[in-house]
Every structure is written in structure tokens, then in C-alpha cells.
Amino acid sequence: MSNHNRNSNSNTEMTDKGRQALDKFKMESASELGINLKDGYNGDLTSREAGSIGGKMVQKMINSYKMQ
């Protein structure tokens, strides 16, 4: 296996793990805001709800960074 292929496989694995962690983080943030998120498509969310979830995630990341 070439070095390029090893890196591609490793990057894919890390991307999958990162995506799973981010999805879990998103679900937790939505739950804290009282917004019902489903696995998969959530096109029925309002822009305000989707923005609130993203804002909550950023707020939590900033607070986590400040605590370090």
C-alpha cells in the first residue's frame, strides 16, 4: 500500500469519527435548547432554530476553550 493510500484511509476514518462526534454535539446542543432534532434530514426546522443550535455549539466551544 502506498503512503498516499494509507493517509487517505486514515483521513476517512478520522473524518467519520469527527462527523459522529459533531452530530452528537449538535444533538446535545439542540436538546439543551428544547429543539427536537431527528437523525437525518431536519428540513422542517426554522432558520431561527437552526441558527440557535449553531450558536449554542459555538458558545459551548468558546467556553470550553476559556476553561483550558
Protein backbone atom coordinates (compact mmCIF):
# COMPACT_ATOMS: atom_id res chain seq x y z
CA MET A 1 0.00 0.00 0.00
CA SER A 2 1.45 3.37 -0.93
CA ASN A 3 1.88 6.15 1.60
CA HIS A 4 -0.88 8.12 -0.15
CA ASN A 5 -3.40 5.30 0.30
CA ARG A 6 -2.59 4.91 3.99
CA ASN A 7 -3.16 8.62 4.56
CA SER A 8 -6.43 8.57 2.60
CA ASN A 9 -7.80 5.67 4.65
CA SER A 10 -6.69 7.27 7.91
CA ASN A 11 -8.23 10.62 6.93
CA THR A 12 -11.52 8.94 6.06
CA GLU A 13 -11.62 7.16 9.40
CA MET A 14 -10.90 10.36 11.31
CA THR A 15 -13.49 12.23 9.26
CA ASP A 16 -16.12 9.63 10.13
CA LYS A 17 -15.22 9.80 13.83
CA GLY A 18 -15.25 13.59 13.72
CA ARG A 19 -18.62 13.64 11.97
CA GLN A 20 -20.10 11.33 14.60
CA ALA A 21 -18.76 13.49 17.43
CA LEU A 22 -20.08 16.65 15.78
CA ASP A 23 -23.52 15.08 15.26
CA LYS A 24 -23.63 14.08 18.94
CA PHE A 25 -22.57 17.60 19.96
CA LYS A 26 -25.28 19.06 17.71
CA MET A 27 -27.96 16.79 19.21
CA GLU A 28 -26.89 17.72 22.75
CA SER A 29 -26.98 21.44 21.93
CA ALA A 30 -30.43 21.14 20.34
CA SER A 31 -31.71 19.22 23.34
CA GLU A 32 -30.47 21.94 25.72
CA LEU A 33 -32.44 24.47 23.68
CA GLY A 34 -35.57 22.31 23.65
CA ILE A 35 -35.39 21.80 19.88
CA ASN A 36 -36.37 18.35 18.63
CA LEU A 37 -33.70 17.18 16.17
CA LYS A 38 -34.09 13.93 14.30
CA ASP A 39 -31.36 11.71 12.89
CA GLY A 40 -31.03 12.56 9.23
CA TYR A 41 -32.99 15.29 7.48
CA ASN A 42 -34.23 18.22 9.57
CA GLY A 43 -35.56 20.49 6.82
CA ASP A 44 -38.60 21.35 8.92
CA LEU A 45 -36.51 23.46 11.32
CA THR A 46 -36.91 27.20 11.11
CA SER A 47 -33.87 29.32 10.32
CA ARG A 48 -34.05 30.64 13.87
CA GLU A 49 -33.95 27.13 15.35
CA ALA A 50 -31.06 26.02 13.14
CA GLY A 51 -29.16 29.22 13.94
CA SER A 52 -29.79 28.78 17.64
CA ILE A 53 -28.29 25.30 17.55
CA GLY A 54 -25.19 26.54 15.73
CA GLY A 55 -24.88 29.49 18.09
CA LYS A 56 -25.16 27.23 21.12
CA MET A 57 -22.44 24.97 19.72
CA VAL A 58 -20.10 27.93 19.18
CA GLN A 59 -20.85 29.26 22.67
CA LYS A 60 -20.00 25.88 24.20
CA MET A 61 -16.76 25.63 22.20
CA ILE A 62 -15.67 29.11 23.29
CA ASN A 63 -16.46 28.36 26.92
CA SER A 64 -14.55 25.09 26.71
CA TYR A 65 -11.52 26.90 25.25
CA LYS A 66 -11.63 29.53 28.02
CA MET A 67 -11.68 26.80 30.69
CA GLN A 68 -8.43 25.27 29.39
